[in-house]
Amino acid sequence: MLDEKKIKLFLVDDDALFLKSLQIEFLESADFEIFTFSTGELCLDNLNLNPDIIILDYHLDGINKGAMNGLEVLDKIKLENQQVPVIMLSSQDKIDVAIKCIHHKATDYVVKSETAFLRLKQIIVKVLHTQKIDKQLHWYMSKM
């Protein structure tokens, strides 16, 4: 049985080494229930698990050239669940890529680097704080 108190985190990256290192970092730093996927298609097939946050690679066709890219996956995630925060990851340090991700409704954009994990943690804390405030506000408004 899944623990309802844990934050469900989806990690999606076709770079197996980077994916494993992210998984280890998150497992060591907080009480997450982590699901890892090497393709966007696998992530989409598991959206019924209702992730709290998704960290999604921008390029997902490194192994399978016919695989969906990160923006395509992001668009399908947002069609299914507009509310789930999706943080895009990429090795590209280009502002136009970041802007494109934000236009596709990504919550944020992080460049893969030595500080990527720290940046991801900061964004997740901010997202969870905002979600908590939104839930409290919704509860309060429903009582009026």
N, C-alpha and C. Protein backbone atom coordinates (compact mmCIF):
# COMPACT_ATOMS: atom_id res chain seq x y z
N MET A 1 0.84 -1.19 0.00
CA MET A 1 0.00 0.00 0.00
C MET A 1 0.88 1.25 0.00
N LEU A 2 0.49 2.24 -0.80
CA LEU A 2 1.28 3.45 -0.91
C LEU A 2 1.03 4.35 0.29
N ASP A 3 2.06 5.01 0.74
CA ASP A 3 1.96 5.93 1.87
C ASP A 3 1.42 7.26 1.36
N GLU A 4 0.24 7.66 1.82
CA GLU A 4 -0.42 8.87 1.36
C GLU A 4 0.31 10.15 1.80
N LYS A 5 1.16 10.05 2.82
CA LYS A 5 1.84 11.24 3.32
C LYS A 5 3.07 11.60 2.49
N LYS A 6 3.60 10.66 1.78
CA LYS A 6 4.79 10.93 0.98
C LYS A 6 4.44 11.70 -0.28
N ILE A 7 5.36 12.54 -0.70
CA ILE A 7 5.19 13.30 -1.93
C ILE A 7 5.57 12.39 -3.09
N LYS A 8 4.66 12.25 -4.06
CA LYS A 8 4.93 11.42 -5.23
C LYS A 8 5.69 12.25 -6.25
N LEU A 9 6.89 11.81 -6.53
CA LEU A 9 7.78 12.52 -7.44
C LEU A 9 8.08 11.64 -8.64
N PHE A 10 7.76 12.13 -9.83
CA PHE A 10 8.11 11.45 -11.08
C PHE A 10 9.40 12.06 -11.60
N LEU A 11 10.38 11.21 -11.89
CA LEU A 11 11.63 11.64 -12.53
C LEU A 11 11.65 11.00 -13.91
N VAL A 12 11.79 11.82 -14.94
CA VAL A 12 11.74 11.33 -16.32
C VAL A 12 12.98 11.81 -17.07
N ASP A 13 13.85 10.85 -17.42
CA ASP A 13 15.08 11.18 -18.14
C ASP A 13 15.58 9.93 -18.84
N ASP A 14 16.05 10.09 -20.07
CA ASP A 14 16.57 8.93 -20.80
C ASP A 14 18.05 8.67 -20.52
N ASP A 15 18.67 9.53 -19.75
CA ASP A 15 20.05 9.33 -19.32
C ASP A 15 20.01 8.53 -18.01
N ALA A 16 20.27 7.23 -18.10
CA ALA A 16 20.11 6.32 -16.95
C ALA A 16 20.98 6.74 -15.77
N LEU A 17 22.19 7.20 -16.02
CA LEU A 17 23.09 7.60 -14.94
C LEU A 17 22.57 8.85 -14.22
N PHE A 18 22.15 9.83 -15.00
CA PHE A 18 21.61 11.06 -14.39
C PHE A 18 20.33 10.76 -13.63
N LEU A 19 19.48 9.92 -14.20
CA LEU A 19 18.21 9.54 -13.56
C LEU A 19 18.47 8.86 -12.22
N LYS A 20 19.42 7.94 -12.19
CA LYS A 20 19.75 7.23 -10.95
C LYS A 20 20.34 8.18 -9.92
N SER A 21 21.19 9.10 -10.35
CA SER A 21 21.79 10.04 -9.40
C SER A 21 20.73 10.97 -8.82
N LEU A 22 19.77 11.40 -9.63
CA LEU A 22 18.67 12.22 -9.11
C LEU A 22 17.85 11.44 -8.09
N GLN A 23 17.55 10.21 -8.42
CA GLN A 23 16.78 9.36 -7.53
C GLN A 23 17.48 9.21 -6.18
N ILE A 24 18.76 8.95 -6.20
CA ILE A 24 19.53 8.79 -4.96
C ILE A 24 19.53 10.09 -4.16
N GLU A 25 19.76 11.21 -4.83
CA GLU A 25 19.78 12.51 -4.15
C GLU A 25 18.45 12.79 -3.46
N PHE A 26 17.35 12.54 -4.16
CA PHE A 26 16.03 12.81 -3.57
C PHE A 26 15.71 11.84 -2.44
N LEU A 27 16.10 10.60 -2.58
CA LEU A 27 15.85 9.62 -1.52
C LEU A 27 16.62 9.97 -0.25
N GLU A 28 17.81 10.52 -0.41
CA GLU A 28 18.64 10.88 0.75
C GLU A 28 18.22 12.19 1.40
N SER A 29 17.49 13.03 0.67
CA SER A 29 17.23 14.37 1.19
C SER A 29 15.83 14.57 1.76
N ALA A 30 14.88 13.71 1.39
CA ALA A 30 13.51 13.91 1.87
C ALA A 30 12.73 12.61 1.75
N ASP A 31 11.53 12.65 2.26
CA ASP A 31 10.68 11.46 2.28
C ASP A 31 9.76 11.46 1.06
N PHE A 32 10.31 11.14 -0.09
CA PHE A 32 9.58 11.10 -1.34
C PHE A 32 9.24 9.66 -1.71
N GLU A 33 8.15 9.50 -2.42
CA GLU A 33 7.87 8.26 -3.11
C GLU A 33 8.24 8.53 -4.56
N ILE A 34 9.31 7.91 -5.02
CA ILE A 34 9.89 8.26 -6.31
C ILE A 34 9.58 7.19 -7.36
N PHE A 35 9.16 7.68 -8.52
CA PHE A 35 8.92 6.83 -9.68
C PHE A 35 9.84 7.33 -10.79
N THR A 36 10.62 6.44 -11.38
CA THR A 36 11.53 6.85 -12.45
C THR A 36 11.07 6.25 -13.78
N PHE A 37 11.24 7.04 -14.82
CA PHE A 37 10.84 6.62 -16.17
C PHE A 37 11.91 7.06 -17.17
N SER A 38 12.25 6.16 -18.07
CA SER A 38 13.28 6.46 -19.07
C SER A 38 12.69 7.07 -20.34
N THR A 39 11.36 7.09 -20.44
CA THR A 39 10.72 7.72 -21.60
C THR A 39 9.51 8.53 -21.14
N GLY A 40 9.15 9.47 -21.96
CA GLY A 40 7.95 10.25 -21.68
C GLY A 40 6.69 9.41 -21.79
N GLU A 41 6.72 8.46 -22.70
CA GLU A 41 5.57 7.58 -22.88
C GLU A 41 5.28 6.79 -21.60
N LEU A 42 6.33 6.30 -20.94
CA LEU A 42 6.14 5.57 -19.68
C LEU A 42 5.57 6.49 -18.60
N CYS A 43 6.04 7.70 -18.57
CA CYS A 43 5.51 8.68 -17.62
C CYS A 43 4.02 8.89 -17.87
N LEU A 44 3.65 9.11 -19.12
CA LEU A 44 2.24 9.34 -19.46
C LEU A 44 1.37 8.14 -19.11
N ASP A 45 1.90 6.94 -19.31
CA ASP A 45 1.16 5.72 -18.98
C ASP A 45 0.89 5.58 -17.49
N ASN A 46 1.65 6.31 -16.66
CA ASN A 46 1.52 6.19 -15.21
C ASN A 46 0.94 7.43 -14.53
N LEU A 47 0.40 8.35 -15.30
CA LEU A 47 -0.18 9.56 -14.71
C LEU A 47 -1.35 9.25 -13.78
N ASN A 48 -1.94 8.08 -13.93
CA ASN A 48 -3.03 7.67 -13.04
C ASN A 48 -2.56 7.52 -11.59
N LEU A 49 -1.25 7.49 -11.36
CA LEU A 49 -0.70 7.43 -10.00
C LEU A 49 -0.74 8.81 -9.32
N ASN A 50 -1.15 9.82 -10.06
CA ASN A 50 -1.31 11.20 -9.54
C ASN A 50 -0.06 11.76 -8.87
N PRO A 51 0.97 12.00 -9.66
CA PRO A 51 2.19 12.57 -9.07
C PRO A 51 1.93 13.97 -8.52
N ASP A 52 2.68 14.31 -7.47
CA ASP A 52 2.60 15.66 -6.92
C ASP A 52 3.48 16.62 -7.70
N ILE A 53 4.60 16.10 -8.22
CA ILE A 53 5.55 16.90 -8.98
C ILE A 53 6.20 15.99 -10.02
N ILE A 54 6.47 16.56 -11.20
CA ILE A 54 7.17 15.82 -12.25
C ILE A 54 8.41 16.62 -12.64
N ILE A 55 9.55 15.93 -12.68
CA ILE A 55 10.78 16.51 -13.20
C ILE A 55 11.03 15.82 -14.53
N LEU A 56 11.03 16.60 -15.60
CA LEU A 56 10.99 16.07 -16.97
C LEU A 56 12.14 16.60 -17.80
N ASP A 57 12.88 15.69 -18.42
CA ASP A 57 13.98 16.06 -19.31
C ASP A 57 13.43 16.68 -20.60
N TYR A 58 14.12 17.66 -21.11
CA TYR A 58 13.72 18.34 -22.35
C TYR A 58 13.94 17.44 -23.56
N HIS A 59 15.07 16.75 -23.59
CA HIS A 59 15.38 15.81 -24.68
C HIS A 59 15.19 14.40 -24.16
N LEU A 60 14.28 13.68 -24.76
CA LEU A 60 14.02 12.31 -24.31
C LEU A 60 14.24 11.30 -25.43
N ASP A 61 14.93 11.71 -26.48
CA ASP A 61 15.11 10.82 -27.61
C ASP A 61 16.57 10.39 -27.80
N GLY A 62 17.32 10.38 -26.70
CA GLY A 62 18.73 9.98 -26.77
C GLY A 62 18.90 8.50 -27.06
N ILE A 63 18.00 7.67 -26.56
CA ILE A 63 18.10 6.23 -26.79
C ILE A 63 17.23 5.82 -27.97
N ASN A 64 15.98 6.27 -27.94
CA ASN A 64 15.04 5.95 -29.00
C ASN A 64 14.73 7.22 -29.77
N LYS A 65 15.21 7.30 -31.00
CA LYS A 65 15.03 8.53 -31.80
C LYS A 65 13.57 8.82 -32.11
N GLY A 66 12.70 7.82 -32.01
CA GLY A 66 11.28 8.02 -32.27
C GLY A 66 10.49 8.40 -31.03
N ALA A 67 11.15 8.51 -29.89
CA ALA A 67 10.46 8.83 -28.64
C ALA A 67 9.96 10.27 -28.65
N MET A 68 8.94 10.52 -27.86
CA MET A 68 8.42 11.89 -27.71
C MET A 68 9.48 12.74 -27.01
N ASN A 69 9.55 14.02 -27.40
CA ASN A 69 10.46 14.91 -26.68
C ASN A 69 9.75 15.49 -25.46
N GLY A 70 10.50 16.18 -24.64
CA GLY A 70 9.98 16.69 -23.39
C GLY A 70 8.81 17.64 -23.53
N LEU A 71 8.85 18.51 -24.55
CA LEU A 71 7.74 19.44 -24.74
C LEU A 71 6.45 18.72 -25.14
N GLU A 72 6.58 17.69 -25.97
CA GLU A 72 5.40 16.91 -26.34
C GLU A 72 4.81 16.23 -25.11
N VAL A 73 5.67 15.67 -24.28
CA VAL A 73 5.21 15.02 -23.05
C VAL A 73 4.58 16.05 -22.12
N LEU A 74 5.23 17.20 -21.97
CA LEU A 74 4.69 18.27 -21.13
C LEU A 74 3.28 18.66 -21.58
N ASP A 75 3.09 18.83 -22.88
CA ASP A 75 1.77 19.21 -23.39
C ASP A 75 0.72 18.15 -23.04
N LYS A 76 1.07 16.88 -23.17
CA LYS A 76 0.12 15.80 -22.87
C LYS A 76 -0.17 15.72 -21.36
N ILE A 77 0.86 15.96 -20.55
CA ILE A 77 0.64 15.99 -19.10
C ILE A 77 -0.36 17.09 -18.76
N LYS A 78 -0.15 18.26 -19.32
CA LYS A 78 -1.01 19.40 -18.99
C LYS A 78 -2.43 19.21 -19.52
N LEU A 79 -2.60 18.45 -20.62
CA LEU A 79 -3.94 18.12 -21.10
C LEU A 79 -4.66 17.21 -20.10
N GLU A 80 -3.90 16.32 -19.50
CA GLU A 80 -4.46 15.36 -18.55
C GLU A 80 -4.68 16.00 -17.17
N ASN A 81 -3.71 16.81 -16.71
CA ASN A 81 -3.80 17.40 -15.38
C ASN A 81 -3.09 18.75 -15.39
N GLN A 82 -3.88 19.79 -15.52
CA GLN A 82 -3.37 21.16 -15.59
C GLN A 82 -2.63 21.58 -14.32
N GLN A 83 -2.97 20.95 -13.18
CA GLN A 83 -2.46 21.38 -11.88
C GLN A 83 -1.09 20.81 -11.50
N VAL A 84 -0.72 19.68 -12.08
CA VAL A 84 0.54 19.06 -11.65
C VAL A 84 1.74 19.93 -12.08
N PRO A 85 2.60 20.28 -11.13
CA PRO A 85 3.78 21.06 -11.47
C PRO A 85 4.80 20.20 -12.23
N VAL A 86 5.30 20.74 -13.33
CA VAL A 86 6.31 20.05 -14.13
C VAL A 86 7.53 20.96 -14.23
N ILE A 87 8.65 20.44 -13.74
CA ILE A 87 9.92 21.18 -13.81
C ILE A 87 10.72 20.57 -14.95
N MET A 88 11.09 21.38 -15.91
CA MET A 88 11.84 20.89 -17.07
C MET A 88 13.34 20.94 -16.77
N LEU A 89 14.04 19.92 -17.23
CA LEU A 89 15.49 19.81 -17.09
C LEU A 89 16.11 19.74 -18.47
N SER A 90 17.24 20.39 -18.64
CA SER A 90 17.93 20.29 -19.92
C SER A 90 19.40 20.62 -19.75
N SER A 91 20.20 20.06 -20.64
CA SER A 91 21.62 20.41 -20.65
C SER A 91 21.84 21.71 -21.42
N GLN A 92 20.80 22.22 -22.05
CA GLN A 92 20.90 23.46 -22.82
C GLN A 92 20.74 24.67 -21.92
N ASP A 93 21.72 25.53 -21.96
CA ASP A 93 21.69 26.76 -21.18
C ASP A 93 21.32 27.92 -22.11
N LYS A 94 20.13 27.79 -22.71
CA LYS A 94 19.67 28.79 -23.67
C LYS A 94 18.36 29.38 -23.19
N ILE A 95 18.28 30.68 -23.17
CA ILE A 95 17.09 31.36 -22.67
C ILE A 95 15.87 31.03 -23.53
N ASP A 96 16.06 30.88 -24.84
CA ASP A 96 14.90 30.60 -25.70
C ASP A 96 14.29 29.23 -25.40
N VAL A 97 15.11 28.26 -24.99
CA VAL A 97 14.59 26.95 -24.61
C VAL A 97 13.80 27.07 -23.31
N ALA A 98 14.33 27.81 -22.37
CA ALA A 98 13.62 28.02 -21.09
C ALA A 98 12.29 28.72 -21.32
N ILE A 99 12.27 29.74 -22.15
CA ILE A 99 11.04 30.47 -22.44
C ILE A 99 10.02 29.57 -23.12
N LYS A 100 10.49 28.74 -24.04
CA LYS A 100 9.60 27.80 -24.73
C LYS A 100 8.95 26.86 -23.72
N CYS A 101 9.72 26.37 -22.77
CA CYS A 101 9.17 25.47 -21.75
C CYS A 101 8.12 26.17 -20.90
N ILE A 102 8.39 27.40 -20.52
CA ILE A 102 7.44 28.16 -19.71
C ILE A 102 6.16 28.43 -20.51
N HIS A 103 6.29 28.70 -21.80
CA HIS A 103 5.11 28.92 -22.65
C HIS A 103 4.27 27.65 -22.77
N HIS A 104 4.91 26.51 -22.61
CA HIS A 104 4.19 25.23 -22.65
C HIS A 104 3.69 24.85 -21.25
N LYS A 105 3.72 25.80 -20.33
CA LYS A 105 3.18 25.66 -18.97
C LYS A 105 4.04 24.87 -18.00
N ALA A 106 5.35 24.83 -18.25
CA ALA A 106 6.25 24.25 -17.25
C ALA A 106 6.29 25.18 -16.05
N THR A 107 6.45 24.61 -14.88
CA THR A 107 6.54 25.40 -13.65
C THR A 107 7.86 26.16 -13.59
N ASP A 108 8.92 25.49 -14.04
CA ASP A 108 10.25 26.10 -14.02
C ASP A 108 11.16 25.33 -14.95
N TYR A 109 12.36 25.84 -15.12
CA TYR A 109 13.35 25.27 -16.02
C TYR A 109 14.69 25.24 -15.31
N VAL A 110 15.35 24.08 -15.32
CA VAL A 110 16.64 23.93 -14.64
C VAL A 110 17.65 23.36 -15.63
N VAL A 111 18.82 23.97 -15.66
CA VAL A 111 19.91 23.48 -16.50
C VAL A 111 20.66 22.39 -15.74
N LYS A 112 20.93 21.28 -16.42
CA LYS A 112 21.69 20.20 -15.81
C LYS A 112 23.11 20.69 -15.56
N SER A 113 23.49 20.71 -14.29
CA SER A 113 24.82 21.18 -13.90
C SER A 113 25.11 20.64 -12.51
N GLU A 114 26.22 21.08 -11.93
CA GLU A 114 26.59 20.65 -10.58
C GLU A 114 25.58 21.13 -9.55
N THR A 115 24.90 22.23 -9.85
CA THR A 115 23.96 22.81 -8.89
C THR A 115 22.50 22.47 -9.22
N ALA A 116 22.26 21.61 -10.19
CA ALA A 116 20.89 21.29 -10.62
C ALA A 116 20.06 20.72 -9.48
N PHE A 117 20.63 19.79 -8.72
CA PHE A 117 19.86 19.17 -7.66
C PHE A 117 19.45 20.20 -6.60
N LEU A 118 20.36 21.07 -6.22
CA LEU A 118 20.05 22.12 -5.24
C LEU A 118 18.93 23.01 -5.77
N ARG A 119 19.03 23.38 -7.01
CA ARG A 119 18.00 24.23 -7.64
C ARG A 119 16.64 23.50 -7.66
N LEU A 120 16.65 22.21 -8.00
CA LEU A 120 15.41 21.43 -8.01
C LEU A 120 14.77 21.39 -6.62
N LYS A 121 15.59 21.18 -5.60
CA LYS A 121 15.08 21.15 -4.23
C LYS A 121 14.43 22.48 -3.87
N GLN A 122 15.06 23.58 -4.23
CA GLN A 122 14.52 24.90 -3.93
C GLN A 122 13.17 25.11 -4.62
N ILE A 123 13.07 24.69 -5.86
CA ILE A 123 11.81 24.84 -6.61
C ILE A 123 10.72 23.97 -5.98
N ILE A 124 11.07 22.75 -5.62
CA ILE A 124 10.08 21.84 -5.02
C ILE A 124 9.57 22.40 -3.70
N VAL A 125 10.44 22.93 -2.88
CA VAL A 125 10.02 23.53 -1.62
C VAL A 125 9.04 24.68 -1.89
N LYS A 126 9.37 25.51 -2.86
CA LYS A 126 8.50 26.63 -3.22
C LYS A 126 7.14 26.14 -3.73
N VAL A 127 7.15 25.13 -4.59
CA VAL A 127 5.91 24.57 -5.14
C VAL A 127 5.04 23.99 -4.02
N LEU A 128 5.65 23.21 -3.14
CA LEU A 128 4.89 22.59 -2.05
C LEU A 128 4.32 23.63 -1.10
N HIS A 129 5.09 24.67 -0.84
CA HIS A 129 4.61 25.76 0.02
C HIS A 129 3.41 26.45 -0.62
N THR A 130 3.49 26.73 -1.91
CA THR A 130 2.40 27.37 -2.64
C THR A 130 1.16 26.48 -2.65
N GLN A 131 1.35 25.18 -2.88
CA GLN A 131 0.22 24.25 -2.88
C GLN A 131 -0.47 24.22 -1.52
N LYS A 132 0.31 24.24 -0.46
CA LYS A 132 -0.26 24.22 0.89
C LYS A 132 -1.09 25.48 1.13
N ILE A 133 -0.57 26.60 0.73
CA ILE A 133 -1.30 27.87 0.88
C ILE A 133 -2.58 27.84 0.06
N ASP A 134 -2.50 27.33 -1.18
CA ASP A 134 -3.69 27.24 -2.03
C ASP A 134 -4.76 26.36 -1.41
N LYS A 135 -4.35 25.22 -0.84
CA LYS A 135 -5.31 24.31 -0.21
C LYS A 135 -5.96 24.97 1.00
N GLN A 136 -5.16 25.68 1.78
CA GLN A 136 -5.71 26.36 2.96
C GLN A 136 -6.67 27.46 2.54
N LEU A 137 -6.32 28.20 1.50
CA LEU A 137 -7.18 29.27 1.01
C LEU A 137 -8.49 28.69 0.47
N HIS A 138 -8.40 27.60 -0.28
CA HIS A 138 -9.59 26.94 -0.81
C HIS A 138 -10.50 26.50 0.33
N TRP A 139 -9.92 25.89 1.36
CA TRP A 139 -10.70 25.45 2.51
C TRP A 139 -11.38 26.65 3.18
N TYR A 140 -10.63 27.71 3.38
CA TYR A 140 -11.15 28.89 4.03
C TYR A 140 -12.30 29.49 3.22
N MET A 141 -12.12 29.60 1.91
CA MET A 141 -13.15 30.18 1.05
C MET A 141 -14.41 29.32 1.03
N SER A 142 -14.26 28.01 1.14
CA SER A 142 -15.42 27.12 1.12
C SER A 142 -16.24 27.25 2.41
N LYS A 143 -15.63 27.77 3.47
CA LYS A 143 -16.33 27.94 4.74
C LYS A 143 -17.08 29.26 4.84
N MET A 144 -16.86 30.12 3.89
CA MET A 144 -17.51 31.46 3.92
C MET A 144 -18.91 31.39 3.37
